Each structure stands twice: as structure tokens, then as C-alpha cells.
Amino acid sequence: MFKSWNFTLVLLAVCSLVWISSCGNSTDSNTNNEASNETTESDAPVALDTLRELGLIKTVEDAGYPMYSLEIEFPERGFSEGFLLNAEDIQGLDLEKLGSSAGKYISFEYTSELENALLDLTLNGKSVYNDGDPFQPTPETKTFEGILNNAGEPTTSDLPDQISISGAGGKTEKFDCYITPLIAKANGKKVVGYYEVRTANRIVGLEFTK
């Protein structure tokens, strides 16, 4: 009788261990499934901080509608800075007033980020980007070699397209540019991009002060 009872206890213990192990695996599986459905930090969009300033407009230049280039001075701090403005991003903007605003103060909001400014693009040693004088690199100029992507069709909108160059080791550099037919012919081929990393300040709201 005692032997039968001991055998029953052992059997119950083994069943309990199997059940616990099964539950543990199920929990781990659910945890892994939940983790796989989460958006990683690198995949999430990066929100840019909006800054507010008061400055004196020195110049306003048409950079190809809807883009405008403004030089704004901050007299109290003794310097001036360049800004880009997309007229279509600012509801109710008076373009005529903007064009005649040199010498006037504006209160504005803007974002600031580092971007790659494409200066030249060569295929087999020949430029497909510059039609004029040969590009002269400076100490600040960076180069990146790889396969040109996202440039299969010439730009048809008022705003530039974003192209990319895929290099060794999986690294990719992105550039905003107007795709010409010559650049489009280089799509999918090995090119060399010449660029500088610059600060891009974009006005997202403004108010003309009295």
C-alpha cells in the first residue's frame, strides 16, 4: 500500500513540474510576441522641437515657389541667420507683405536640424549635377560612394525629391535635390556624392510685428 501511495506522489510531482514548465514557456512566448509587435525607438518618428524668436528681416529671396529664403538679424546678439520658409505651410501668409518686409521685425517659430546639402554628384568621374564650372571641394566637403536610389524619374513638383546613396556596410546617406534627366539616368548605378552637413532652419509660423 505504501509503495502504491509513494508511486502516486511521485507521479503527481512529475505532472506538476510538466505543468509549470508548460506555463512558463507559454508566458515567454506571449512576452516575445508582445515585444515583436512593439515599435522600436529607432522606428518611431522623431519630433522636432519648435523654437520661438523675434528678429529683424534683412533680405527675402524667392527660392522657387513655394520656398523662400530669409536672412534674419538679431541685433541685440550681434549676428544674423538664414531660414527657409515654405509658403504652403503657413496658412494665410501674405506673400506681397513678406516680399516687402526687409527692415521689419517678425515674431516667428522655427525648427532646426542637421541635413546633408548635396553639392555635386558624379558618375564615372563626370558630374551629373553641375552644368557649369567644375565643383571645387573645400575642407568641409564630405564624399560618399555607393548606389544611387530613388532617382528614377525627374522631379515634377515645386519641392525637391529625396534621393539616397547606399554604400558599403549597409550605410545610406539621404539628400534633398531636384532630379534632372541626367541624374535619373544615373539611378541604380555607382556614384560619388559630394556634400556638406549644414543646419537647416525652417520657419513654421510667423507674425509681422507693428
N, C-alpha and C. Protein backbone atom coordinates (compact mmCIF):
# COMPACT_ATOMS: atom_id res chain seq x y z
N MET A 1 0.83 -1.21 0.00
CA MET A 1 0.00 0.00 0.00
C MET A 1 0.85 1.24 0.00
N PHE A 2 1.90 1.22 0.88
CA PHE A 2 2.78 2.37 0.94
C PHE A 2 3.49 2.58 -0.37
N LYS A 3 3.87 1.50 -1.05
CA LYS A 3 4.56 1.62 -2.33
C LYS A 3 3.65 2.26 -3.36
N SER A 4 2.39 1.85 -3.36
CA SER A 4 1.43 2.43 -4.32
C SER A 4 1.23 3.91 -4.04
N TRP A 5 1.15 4.26 -2.74
CA TRP A 5 0.97 5.68 -2.36
C TRP A 5 2.17 6.51 -2.75
N ASN A 6 3.39 5.98 -2.54
CA ASN A 6 4.62 6.70 -2.92
C ASN A 6 4.66 6.90 -4.42
N PHE A 7 4.27 5.86 -5.16
CA PHE A 7 4.28 5.97 -6.62
C PHE A 7 3.32 7.06 -7.08
N THR A 8 2.18 7.18 -6.42
CA THR A 8 1.18 8.21 -6.76
C THR A 8 1.73 9.61 -6.50
N LEU A 9 2.43 9.76 -5.36
CA LEU A 9 3.02 11.07 -5.03
C LEU A 9 4.06 11.48 -6.06
N VAL A 10 4.89 10.53 -6.45
CA VAL A 10 5.93 10.81 -7.45
C VAL A 10 5.29 11.22 -8.76
N LEU A 11 4.24 10.49 -9.16
CA LEU A 11 3.55 10.78 -10.41
C LEU A 11 2.95 12.18 -10.38
N LEU A 12 2.33 12.56 -9.25
CA LEU A 12 1.75 13.91 -9.11
C LEU A 12 2.83 14.98 -9.20
N ALA A 13 3.98 14.74 -8.59
CA ALA A 13 5.08 15.71 -8.61
C ALA A 13 5.59 15.93 -10.03
N VAL A 14 5.74 14.82 -10.79
CA VAL A 14 6.20 14.92 -12.17
C VAL A 14 5.21 15.71 -13.01
N CYS A 15 3.92 15.43 -12.82
CA CYS A 15 2.88 16.15 -13.58
C CYS A 15 2.89 17.63 -13.26
N SER A 16 3.14 17.95 -11.98
CA SER A 16 3.19 19.36 -11.57
C SER A 16 4.34 20.09 -12.24
N LEU A 17 5.51 19.43 -12.31
CA LEU A 17 6.67 20.05 -12.94
C LEU A 17 6.42 20.28 -14.42
N VAL A 18 5.79 19.31 -15.08
CA VAL A 18 5.47 19.46 -16.51
C VAL A 18 4.53 20.61 -16.74
N TRP A 19 3.52 20.73 -15.85
CA TRP A 19 2.54 21.81 -15.98
C TRP A 19 3.18 23.18 -15.78
N ILE A 20 4.05 23.31 -14.77
CA ILE A 20 4.74 24.58 -14.50
C ILE A 20 5.63 24.98 -15.67
N SER A 21 6.37 24.00 -16.22
CA SER A 21 7.25 24.26 -17.35
C SER A 21 6.45 24.73 -18.55
N SER A 22 5.27 24.10 -18.77
CA SER A 22 4.42 24.47 -19.90
C SER A 22 3.92 25.89 -19.74
N CYS A 23 3.50 26.25 -18.53
CA CYS A 23 3.02 27.62 -18.28
C CYS A 23 4.13 28.62 -18.48
N GLY A 24 5.35 28.27 -18.03
CA GLY A 24 6.48 29.18 -18.20
C GLY A 24 6.77 29.44 -19.66
N ASN A 25 6.75 28.39 -20.49
CA ASN A 25 7.01 28.56 -21.92
C ASN A 25 5.93 29.39 -22.58
N SER A 26 4.68 29.20 -22.13
CA SER A 26 3.57 29.96 -22.70
C SER A 26 3.74 31.43 -22.41
N THR A 27 4.13 31.75 -21.15
CA THR A 27 4.34 33.15 -20.77
C THR A 27 5.45 33.77 -21.57
N ASP A 28 6.56 33.04 -21.74
CA ASP A 28 7.68 33.55 -22.51
C ASP A 28 7.26 33.81 -23.94
N SER A 29 6.46 32.89 -24.51
CA SER A 29 6.02 33.02 -25.89
C SER A 29 5.18 34.26 -26.07
N ASN A 30 4.24 34.49 -25.08
CA ASN A 30 3.39 35.67 -25.17
C ASN A 30 4.21 36.94 -25.04
N THR A 31 5.20 36.90 -24.14
CA THR A 31 6.06 38.06 -23.96
C THR A 31 6.80 38.38 -25.22
N ASN A 32 7.34 37.34 -25.90
CA ASN A 32 8.08 37.55 -27.13
C ASN A 32 7.18 38.09 -28.22
N ASN A 33 5.93 37.56 -28.29
CA ASN A 33 5.00 38.05 -29.31
C ASN A 33 4.65 39.50 -29.09
N GLU A 34 4.45 39.89 -27.80
CA GLU A 34 4.14 41.27 -27.50
C GLU A 34 5.31 42.17 -27.86
N ALA A 35 6.53 41.72 -27.56
CA ALA A 35 7.71 42.53 -27.84
C ALA A 35 7.89 42.72 -29.33
N SER A 36 7.56 41.68 -30.13
CA SER A 36 7.74 41.78 -31.57
C SER A 36 6.78 42.76 -32.19
N ASN A 37 5.63 43.01 -31.50
CA ASN A 37 4.64 43.93 -32.04
C ASN A 37 4.91 45.37 -31.64
N GLU A 38 5.85 45.59 -30.73
CA GLU A 38 6.15 46.95 -30.29
C GLU A 38 6.99 47.67 -31.34
N THR A 39 6.81 49.01 -31.42
CA THR A 39 7.63 49.84 -32.30
C THR A 39 8.91 50.21 -31.57
N THR A 40 10.04 49.91 -32.16
CA THR A 40 11.31 50.24 -31.52
C THR A 40 11.53 51.73 -31.58
N GLU A 41 12.41 52.21 -30.74
CA GLU A 41 12.67 53.65 -30.67
C GLU A 41 13.22 54.17 -31.99
N SER A 42 14.06 53.38 -32.67
CA SER A 42 14.66 53.83 -33.92
C SER A 42 13.63 53.91 -35.04
N ASP A 43 12.51 53.14 -34.94
CA ASP A 43 11.49 53.16 -35.96
C ASP A 43 10.50 54.30 -35.78
N ALA A 44 10.42 54.84 -34.58
CA ALA A 44 9.43 55.86 -34.29
C ALA A 44 9.85 57.19 -34.91
N PRO A 45 8.88 58.01 -35.39
CA PRO A 45 9.23 59.31 -35.96
C PRO A 45 9.80 60.24 -34.91
N VAL A 46 10.75 61.05 -35.31
CA VAL A 46 11.40 61.97 -34.39
C VAL A 46 10.72 63.33 -34.51
N ALA A 47 10.17 63.82 -33.41
CA ALA A 47 9.50 65.12 -33.40
C ALA A 47 10.53 66.21 -33.16
N LEU A 48 10.50 67.26 -34.00
CA LEU A 48 11.44 68.36 -33.85
C LEU A 48 10.87 69.39 -32.89
N ASP A 49 11.72 69.94 -32.04
CA ASP A 49 11.30 70.99 -31.14
C ASP A 49 11.08 72.28 -31.93
N THR A 50 10.03 73.01 -31.58
CA THR A 50 9.74 74.29 -32.21
C THR A 50 10.28 75.41 -31.33
N LEU A 51 11.07 76.28 -31.91
CA LEU A 51 11.68 77.39 -31.19
C LEU A 51 11.00 78.69 -31.59
N ARG A 52 11.00 79.67 -30.70
CA ARG A 52 10.37 80.96 -30.98
C ARG A 52 11.41 82.07 -30.86
N GLU A 53 11.37 83.01 -31.82
CA GLU A 53 12.33 84.11 -31.84
C GLU A 53 11.67 85.40 -32.32
N LEU A 54 12.34 86.52 -32.06
CA LEU A 54 11.97 87.83 -32.60
C LEU A 54 13.20 88.37 -33.31
N GLY A 55 13.07 88.69 -34.59
CA GLY A 55 14.23 89.13 -35.35
C GLY A 55 13.89 90.16 -36.41
N LEU A 56 14.94 90.78 -36.96
CA LEU A 56 14.81 91.82 -37.98
C LEU A 56 15.12 91.20 -39.35
N ILE A 57 14.17 91.28 -40.27
CA ILE A 57 14.38 90.71 -41.60
C ILE A 57 15.35 91.59 -42.39
N LYS A 58 16.43 90.98 -42.87
CA LYS A 58 17.39 91.71 -43.70
C LYS A 58 17.08 91.52 -45.18
N THR A 59 16.85 90.28 -45.60
CA THR A 59 16.55 90.01 -47.01
C THR A 59 15.51 88.90 -47.12
N VAL A 60 14.74 88.96 -48.20
CA VAL A 60 13.79 87.90 -48.55
C VAL A 60 14.02 87.56 -50.02
N GLU A 61 14.33 86.30 -50.31
CA GLU A 61 14.60 85.88 -51.68
C GLU A 61 13.70 84.72 -52.08
N ASP A 62 13.20 84.79 -53.31
CA ASP A 62 12.40 83.70 -53.86
C ASP A 62 13.33 82.54 -54.21
N ALA A 63 13.13 81.40 -53.55
CA ALA A 63 13.96 80.22 -53.79
C ALA A 63 13.26 79.20 -54.66
N GLY A 64 12.24 79.66 -55.42
CA GLY A 64 11.44 78.75 -56.23
C GLY A 64 10.19 78.37 -55.48
N TYR A 65 9.06 78.96 -55.87
CA TYR A 65 7.82 78.77 -55.13
C TYR A 65 7.56 77.28 -54.86
N PRO A 66 7.15 76.94 -53.64
CA PRO A 66 6.71 77.81 -52.55
C PRO A 66 7.81 78.16 -51.54
N MET A 67 9.07 77.97 -51.90
CA MET A 67 10.15 78.18 -50.96
C MET A 67 10.70 79.61 -51.02
N TYR A 68 10.99 80.16 -49.85
CA TYR A 68 11.61 81.48 -49.74
C TYR A 68 12.79 81.37 -48.77
N SER A 69 13.81 82.16 -49.05
CA SER A 69 14.99 82.19 -48.20
C SER A 69 15.06 83.55 -47.51
N LEU A 70 15.15 83.52 -46.19
CA LEU A 70 15.18 84.76 -45.41
C LEU A 70 16.48 84.84 -44.61
N GLU A 71 17.04 86.04 -44.57
CA GLU A 71 18.14 86.31 -43.65
C GLU A 71 17.59 87.20 -42.55
N ILE A 72 17.68 86.71 -41.33
CA ILE A 72 17.11 87.43 -40.19
C ILE A 72 18.24 87.79 -39.22
N GLU A 73 18.22 89.04 -38.82
CA GLU A 73 19.26 89.56 -37.92
C GLU A 73 18.71 89.65 -36.50
N PHE A 74 19.61 89.41 -35.56
CA PHE A 74 19.29 89.55 -34.14
C PHE A 74 20.23 90.61 -33.57
N PRO A 75 19.85 91.87 -33.72
CA PRO A 75 20.77 92.98 -33.39
C PRO A 75 21.29 92.94 -31.95
N GLU A 76 20.43 92.56 -31.02
CA GLU A 76 20.85 92.55 -29.62
C GLU A 76 21.96 91.55 -29.37
N ARG A 77 22.04 90.51 -30.22
CA ARG A 77 23.06 89.48 -30.03
C ARG A 77 24.17 89.57 -31.06
N GLY A 78 24.03 90.48 -32.00
CA GLY A 78 25.12 90.77 -32.94
C GLY A 78 25.37 89.71 -34.00
N PHE A 79 24.33 89.02 -34.48
CA PHE A 79 24.55 88.06 -35.57
C PHE A 79 23.27 87.91 -36.37
N SER A 80 23.39 87.30 -37.55
CA SER A 80 22.23 87.02 -38.39
C SER A 80 22.26 85.55 -38.79
N GLU A 81 21.12 85.02 -39.22
CA GLU A 81 21.00 83.60 -39.54
C GLU A 81 20.07 83.43 -40.73
N GLY A 82 20.31 82.37 -41.52
CA GLY A 82 19.47 82.08 -42.67
C GLY A 82 18.35 81.12 -42.31
N PHE A 83 17.16 81.33 -42.92
CA PHE A 83 16.00 80.50 -42.66
C PHE A 83 15.28 80.19 -43.98
N LEU A 84 14.67 79.02 -44.04
CA LEU A 84 13.82 78.65 -45.17
C LEU A 84 12.36 78.73 -44.75
N LEU A 85 11.51 79.10 -45.71
CA LEU A 85 10.09 79.21 -45.43
C LEU A 85 9.31 78.59 -46.59
N ASN A 86 8.43 77.67 -46.27
CA ASN A 86 7.54 77.07 -47.26
C ASN A 86 6.19 77.79 -47.15
N ALA A 87 5.87 78.60 -48.17
CA ALA A 87 4.66 79.42 -48.11
C ALA A 87 3.40 78.59 -47.94
N GLU A 88 3.41 77.34 -48.42
CA GLU A 88 2.23 76.50 -48.33
C GLU A 88 2.03 75.91 -46.93
N ASP A 89 3.04 76.03 -46.10
CA ASP A 89 2.94 75.51 -44.74
C ASP A 89 2.34 76.52 -43.78
N ILE A 90 2.24 77.79 -44.20
CA ILE A 90 1.76 78.86 -43.31
C ILE A 90 0.45 79.40 -43.87
N GLN A 91 -0.63 79.06 -43.21
CA GLN A 91 -1.96 79.43 -43.69
C GLN A 91 -2.16 80.95 -43.62
N GLY A 92 -2.67 81.52 -44.72
CA GLY A 92 -2.98 82.94 -44.75
C GLY A 92 -1.78 83.86 -44.89
N LEU A 93 -0.64 83.32 -45.30
CA LEU A 93 0.56 84.15 -45.43
C LEU A 93 0.40 85.15 -46.57
N ASP A 94 0.68 86.41 -46.30
CA ASP A 94 0.61 87.48 -47.31
C ASP A 94 1.98 87.55 -47.99
N LEU A 95 2.09 86.98 -49.20
CA LEU A 95 3.38 86.93 -49.88
C LEU A 95 3.86 88.31 -50.29
N GLU A 96 2.93 89.20 -50.65
CA GLU A 96 3.32 90.56 -51.02
C GLU A 96 3.92 91.29 -49.82
N LYS A 97 3.30 91.10 -48.67
CA LYS A 97 3.82 91.72 -47.46
C LYS A 97 5.17 91.11 -47.08
N LEU A 98 5.29 89.79 -47.28
CA LEU A 98 6.56 89.13 -46.98
C LEU A 98 7.67 89.68 -47.87
N GLY A 99 7.37 89.89 -49.16
CA GLY A 99 8.38 90.37 -50.09
C GLY A 99 8.87 91.77 -49.80
N SER A 100 8.06 92.55 -49.10
CA SER A 100 8.45 93.94 -48.79
C SER A 100 8.74 94.13 -47.30
N SER A 101 9.09 93.03 -46.63
CA SER A 101 9.26 93.08 -45.18
C SER A 101 10.70 93.35 -44.73
N ALA A 102 11.62 93.55 -45.67
CA ALA A 102 13.01 93.83 -45.28
C ALA A 102 13.06 95.08 -44.40
N GLY A 103 13.79 94.98 -43.30
CA GLY A 103 13.91 96.10 -42.37
C GLY A 103 12.85 96.09 -41.29
N LYS A 104 11.99 95.07 -41.29
CA LYS A 104 10.93 94.99 -40.29
C LYS A 104 11.14 93.78 -39.37
N TYR A 105 10.59 93.89 -38.18
CA TYR A 105 10.70 92.79 -37.22
C TYR A 105 9.55 91.80 -37.42
N ILE A 106 9.88 90.52 -37.20
CA ILE A 106 8.84 89.49 -37.17
C ILE A 106 9.04 88.60 -35.95
N SER A 107 7.94 88.13 -35.42
CA SER A 107 7.96 87.10 -34.40
C SER A 107 7.69 85.78 -35.12
N PHE A 108 8.54 84.79 -34.93
CA PHE A 108 8.39 83.56 -35.71
C PHE A 108 8.74 82.32 -34.92
N GLU A 109 8.23 81.21 -35.40
CA GLU A 109 8.55 79.90 -34.85
C GLU A 109 9.28 79.10 -35.91
N TYR A 110 10.26 78.29 -35.50
CA TYR A 110 11.04 77.53 -36.47
C TYR A 110 11.55 76.24 -35.87
N THR A 111 11.94 75.34 -36.76
CA THR A 111 12.62 74.10 -36.36
C THR A 111 14.04 74.14 -36.89
N SER A 112 14.92 73.40 -36.27
CA SER A 112 16.32 73.39 -36.67
C SER A 112 16.86 71.97 -36.61
N GLU A 113 17.49 71.51 -37.72
CA GLU A 113 18.07 70.17 -37.74
C GLU A 113 19.25 70.13 -38.73
N LEU A 114 20.10 69.14 -38.54
CA LEU A 114 21.24 68.95 -39.43
C LEU A 114 20.80 68.15 -40.66
N GLU A 115 21.23 68.60 -41.84
CA GLU A 115 20.89 67.93 -43.09
C GLU A 115 22.10 67.86 -44.00
N ASN A 116 22.06 66.90 -44.92
CA ASN A 116 23.11 66.78 -45.94
C ASN A 116 22.77 67.71 -47.11
N ALA A 117 23.67 68.65 -47.38
CA ALA A 117 23.49 69.54 -48.53
C ALA A 117 24.32 69.01 -49.69
N LEU A 118 23.64 68.48 -50.72
CA LEU A 118 24.32 67.89 -51.86
C LEU A 118 24.93 68.99 -52.73
N LEU A 119 26.22 68.89 -53.01
CA LEU A 119 26.94 69.90 -53.79
C LEU A 119 27.31 69.40 -55.18
N ASP A 120 27.53 68.11 -55.32
CA ASP A 120 27.84 67.53 -56.62
C ASP A 120 27.59 66.03 -56.57
N LEU A 121 27.36 65.47 -57.76
CA LEU A 121 27.11 64.04 -57.89
C LEU A 121 27.78 63.58 -59.18
N THR A 122 28.71 62.62 -59.06
CA THR A 122 29.47 62.21 -60.23
C THR A 122 29.22 60.75 -60.57
N LEU A 123 29.23 60.46 -61.86
CA LEU A 123 29.12 59.11 -62.38
C LEU A 123 30.30 58.88 -63.30
N ASN A 124 31.12 57.87 -62.99
CA ASN A 124 32.35 57.60 -63.77
C ASN A 124 33.23 58.83 -63.86
N GLY A 125 33.29 59.57 -62.74
CA GLY A 125 34.17 60.74 -62.68
C GLY A 125 33.61 62.00 -63.30
N LYS A 126 32.41 61.95 -63.89
CA LYS A 126 31.80 63.11 -64.52
C LYS A 126 30.56 63.54 -63.75
N SER A 127 30.40 64.86 -63.62
CA SER A 127 29.27 65.38 -62.85
C SER A 127 27.96 65.20 -63.60
N VAL A 128 26.94 64.75 -62.86
CA VAL A 128 25.58 64.70 -63.40
C VAL A 128 24.70 65.70 -62.64
N TYR A 129 25.36 66.56 -61.88
CA TYR A 129 24.66 67.50 -61.00
C TYR A 129 24.91 68.95 -61.39
N ASN A 130 26.17 69.27 -61.71
CA ASN A 130 26.54 70.64 -62.05
C ASN A 130 26.77 70.78 -63.55
N ASP A 131 26.12 71.79 -64.13
CA ASP A 131 26.29 72.05 -65.56
C ASP A 131 27.38 73.08 -65.84
N GLY A 132 27.68 73.89 -64.83
CA GLY A 132 28.62 74.99 -65.02
C GLY A 132 30.06 74.59 -64.75
N ASP A 133 30.74 75.45 -64.00
CA ASP A 133 32.14 75.21 -63.68
C ASP A 133 32.29 73.96 -62.82
N PRO A 134 33.42 73.26 -62.95
CA PRO A 134 33.66 72.05 -62.14
C PRO A 134 33.58 72.36 -60.66
N PHE A 135 33.03 71.45 -59.91
CA PHE A 135 32.89 71.64 -58.47
C PHE A 135 34.25 71.59 -57.79
N GLN A 136 34.47 72.53 -56.89
CA GLN A 136 35.73 72.60 -56.15
C GLN A 136 35.48 72.27 -54.68
N PRO A 137 35.89 71.08 -54.24
CA PRO A 137 35.68 70.70 -52.83
C PRO A 137 36.42 71.64 -51.87
N THR A 138 35.90 71.78 -50.68
CA THR A 138 36.52 72.55 -49.61
C THR A 138 36.87 71.59 -48.47
N PRO A 139 37.60 72.06 -47.46
CA PRO A 139 37.91 71.17 -46.33
C PRO A 139 36.66 70.61 -45.63
N GLU A 140 35.52 71.31 -45.77
CA GLU A 140 34.28 70.85 -45.13
C GLU A 140 33.53 69.83 -45.98
N THR A 141 33.94 69.66 -47.22
CA THR A 141 33.21 68.76 -48.13
C THR A 141 33.45 67.29 -47.77
N LYS A 142 32.36 66.54 -47.70
CA LYS A 142 32.44 65.11 -47.45
C LYS A 142 32.09 64.37 -48.74
N THR A 143 32.56 63.15 -48.88
CA THR A 143 32.23 62.33 -50.05
C THR A 143 31.63 61.01 -49.60
N PHE A 144 30.75 60.48 -50.43
CA PHE A 144 30.12 59.20 -50.11
C PHE A 144 29.87 58.45 -51.41
N GLU A 145 30.38 57.22 -51.51
CA GLU A 145 30.26 56.42 -52.73
C GLU A 145 29.30 55.27 -52.52
N GLY A 146 28.47 55.03 -53.52
CA GLY A 146 27.54 53.92 -53.44
C GLY A 146 26.54 53.93 -54.59
N ILE A 147 25.49 53.15 -54.44
CA ILE A 147 24.47 53.02 -55.48
C ILE A 147 23.39 54.09 -55.28
N LEU A 148 23.09 54.81 -56.36
CA LEU A 148 22.07 55.86 -56.31
C LEU A 148 20.67 55.24 -56.35
N ASN A 149 19.82 55.65 -55.44
CA ASN A 149 18.45 55.13 -55.35
C ASN A 149 17.42 56.27 -55.32
N ASN A 150 16.19 55.92 -55.64
CA ASN A 150 15.04 56.84 -55.58
C ASN A 150 15.19 58.04 -56.50
N ALA A 151 15.90 57.88 -57.60
CA ALA A 151 16.13 58.97 -58.55
C ALA A 151 15.73 58.57 -59.96
N GLY A 152 14.78 57.66 -60.08
CA GLY A 152 14.44 57.12 -61.39
C GLY A 152 13.67 58.05 -62.30
N GLU A 153 12.98 59.06 -61.72
CA GLU A 153 12.18 59.98 -62.52
C GLU A 153 12.54 61.42 -62.18
N PRO A 154 12.61 62.31 -63.19
CA PRO A 154 12.89 63.73 -62.92
C PRO A 154 11.83 64.33 -62.00
N THR A 155 12.22 65.31 -61.23
CA THR A 155 11.30 66.00 -60.32
C THR A 155 10.25 66.77 -61.10
N THR A 156 9.01 66.61 -60.72
CA THR A 156 7.91 67.32 -61.41
C THR A 156 7.20 68.31 -60.50
N SER A 157 7.51 68.31 -59.20
CA SER A 157 6.84 69.21 -58.26
C SER A 157 7.71 70.43 -58.00
N ASP A 158 7.15 71.37 -57.24
CA ASP A 158 7.90 72.57 -56.88
C ASP A 158 8.93 72.30 -55.79
N LEU A 159 8.76 71.22 -55.09
CA LEU A 159 9.67 70.88 -54.00
C LEU A 159 10.63 69.78 -54.43
N PRO A 160 11.83 69.73 -53.85
CA PRO A 160 12.80 68.71 -54.24
C PRO A 160 12.38 67.31 -53.79
N ASP A 161 12.90 66.31 -54.47
CA ASP A 161 12.72 64.92 -54.06
C ASP A 161 13.85 64.53 -53.12
N GLN A 162 13.68 63.40 -52.46
CA GLN A 162 14.75 62.89 -51.62
C GLN A 162 15.35 61.65 -52.27
N ILE A 163 16.63 61.73 -52.58
CA ILE A 163 17.35 60.60 -53.15
C ILE A 163 18.26 60.02 -52.07
N SER A 164 18.84 58.87 -52.34
CA SER A 164 19.75 58.26 -51.38
C SER A 164 20.87 57.53 -52.09
N ILE A 165 21.97 57.39 -51.39
CA ILE A 165 23.11 56.62 -51.89
C ILE A 165 23.40 55.53 -50.87
N SER A 166 23.36 54.27 -51.33
CA SER A 166 23.62 53.13 -50.46
C SER A 166 25.06 52.69 -50.62
N GLY A 167 25.82 52.79 -49.54
CA GLY A 167 27.24 52.47 -49.60
C GLY A 167 27.58 51.15 -48.94
N ALA A 168 28.86 50.96 -48.69
CA ALA A 168 29.34 49.71 -48.08
C ALA A 168 28.87 49.60 -46.64
N GLY A 169 28.72 48.36 -46.20
CA GLY A 169 28.35 48.12 -44.81
C GLY A 169 26.92 48.48 -44.48
N GLY A 170 26.08 48.66 -45.49
CA GLY A 170 24.68 48.97 -45.23
C GLY A 170 24.41 50.41 -44.89
N LYS A 171 25.42 51.27 -44.96
CA LYS A 171 25.22 52.68 -44.63
C LYS A 171 24.56 53.41 -45.80
N THR A 172 23.65 54.32 -45.50
CA THR A 172 22.94 55.09 -46.52
C THR A 172 22.94 56.56 -46.14
N GLU A 173 23.16 57.42 -47.13
CA GLU A 173 23.06 58.86 -46.93
C GLU A 173 21.92 59.39 -47.80
N LYS A 174 21.12 60.31 -47.25
CA LYS A 174 19.98 60.86 -47.96
C LYS A 174 20.21 62.33 -48.29
N PHE A 175 19.65 62.76 -49.43
CA PHE A 175 19.83 64.13 -49.90
C PHE A 175 18.54 64.63 -50.53
N ASP A 176 18.21 65.88 -50.29
CA ASP A 176 17.11 66.53 -50.99
C ASP A 176 17.68 67.22 -52.22
N CYS A 177 17.09 66.95 -53.39
CA CYS A 177 17.56 67.60 -54.62
C CYS A 177 16.50 67.51 -55.69
N TYR A 178 16.61 68.39 -56.67
CA TYR A 178 15.74 68.33 -57.84
C TYR A 178 16.37 67.37 -58.84
N ILE A 179 15.66 66.29 -59.13
CA ILE A 179 16.19 65.26 -60.02
C ILE A 179 16.06 65.72 -61.47
N THR A 180 17.18 65.80 -62.15
CA THR A 180 17.19 66.15 -63.57
C THR A 180 17.22 64.87 -64.40
N PRO A 181 16.97 64.96 -65.71
CA PRO A 181 17.06 63.76 -66.55
C PRO A 181 18.43 63.10 -66.49
N LEU A 182 19.48 63.91 -66.33
CA LEU A 182 20.83 63.36 -66.25
C LEU A 182 21.03 62.57 -64.96
N ILE A 183 20.48 63.09 -63.86
CA ILE A 183 20.57 62.37 -62.59
C ILE A 183 19.74 61.09 -62.67
N ALA A 184 18.57 61.16 -63.32
CA ALA A 184 17.70 59.99 -63.43
C ALA A 184 18.40 58.85 -64.17
N LYS A 185 19.23 59.18 -65.15
CA LYS A 185 19.96 58.15 -65.91
C LYS A 185 21.00 57.45 -65.04
N ALA A 186 21.42 58.11 -63.97
CA ALA A 186 22.42 57.51 -63.08
C ALA A 186 21.79 56.66 -61.99
N ASN A 187 20.47 56.63 -61.94
CA ASN A 187 19.79 55.85 -60.90
C ASN A 187 20.15 54.37 -61.01
N GLY A 188 20.46 53.76 -59.88
CA GLY A 188 20.84 52.36 -59.86
C GLY A 188 22.30 52.09 -60.17
N LYS A 189 23.07 53.15 -60.39
CA LYS A 189 24.49 53.00 -60.72
C LYS A 189 25.36 53.54 -59.59
N LYS A 190 26.64 53.18 -59.63
CA LYS A 190 27.56 53.62 -58.58
C LYS A 190 27.96 55.07 -58.84
N VAL A 191 27.73 55.92 -57.85
CA VAL A 191 28.04 57.34 -57.97
C VAL A 191 28.84 57.79 -56.75
N VAL A 192 29.33 59.00 -56.83
CA VAL A 192 30.00 59.63 -55.69
C VAL A 192 29.28 60.94 -55.39
N GLY A 193 28.80 61.08 -54.16
CA GLY A 193 28.14 62.30 -53.75
C GLY A 193 29.08 63.18 -52.95
N TYR A 194 29.09 64.46 -53.28
CA TYR A 194 29.88 65.45 -52.54
C TYR A 194 28.88 66.32 -51.77
N TYR A 195 29.09 66.46 -50.48
CA TYR A 195 28.10 67.17 -49.67
C TYR A 195 28.72 67.78 -48.42
N GLU A 196 27.93 68.64 -47.79
CA GLU A 196 28.29 69.21 -46.50
C GLU A 196 27.12 69.04 -45.55
N VAL A 197 27.42 68.85 -44.29
CA VAL A 197 26.38 68.77 -43.26
C VAL A 197 26.12 70.18 -42.76
N ARG A 198 24.90 70.65 -42.97
CA ARG A 198 24.54 72.02 -42.61
C ARG A 198 23.30 72.04 -41.71
N THR A 199 23.15 73.15 -41.01
CA THR A 199 21.97 73.34 -40.18
C THR A 199 20.86 73.93 -41.03
N ALA A 200 19.71 73.27 -41.04
CA ALA A 200 18.55 73.75 -41.80
C ALA A 200 17.53 74.32 -40.83
N ASN A 201 17.31 75.63 -40.91
CA ASN A 201 16.31 76.31 -40.08
C ASN A 201 15.07 76.56 -40.92
N ARG A 202 13.92 76.04 -40.49
CA ARG A 202 12.69 76.18 -41.26
C ARG A 202 11.62 76.90 -40.44
N ILE A 203 11.14 78.01 -40.98
CA ILE A 203 10.09 78.77 -40.31
C ILE A 203 8.76 78.06 -40.50
N VAL A 204 8.06 77.83 -39.40
CA VAL A 204 6.77 77.12 -39.47
C VAL A 204 5.61 78.01 -39.04
N GLY A 205 5.91 79.22 -38.62
CA GLY A 205 4.86 80.18 -38.24
C GLY A 205 5.48 81.54 -38.05
N LEU A 206 4.76 82.59 -38.41
CA LEU A 206 5.31 83.94 -38.24
C LEU A 206 4.20 84.96 -38.06
N GLU A 207 4.59 86.08 -37.48
CA GLU A 207 3.67 87.20 -37.26
C GLU A 207 4.44 88.49 -37.45
N PHE A 208 3.94 89.35 -38.33
CA PHE A 208 4.59 90.64 -38.54
C PHE A 208 4.25 91.55 -37.37
N THR A 209 5.29 92.12 -36.78
CA THR A 209 5.08 92.99 -35.62
C THR A 209 4.84 94.43 -36.08
N LYS A 210 4.12 95.17 -35.27
CA LYS A 210 3.81 96.57 -35.60
C LYS A 210 4.93 97.48 -35.15
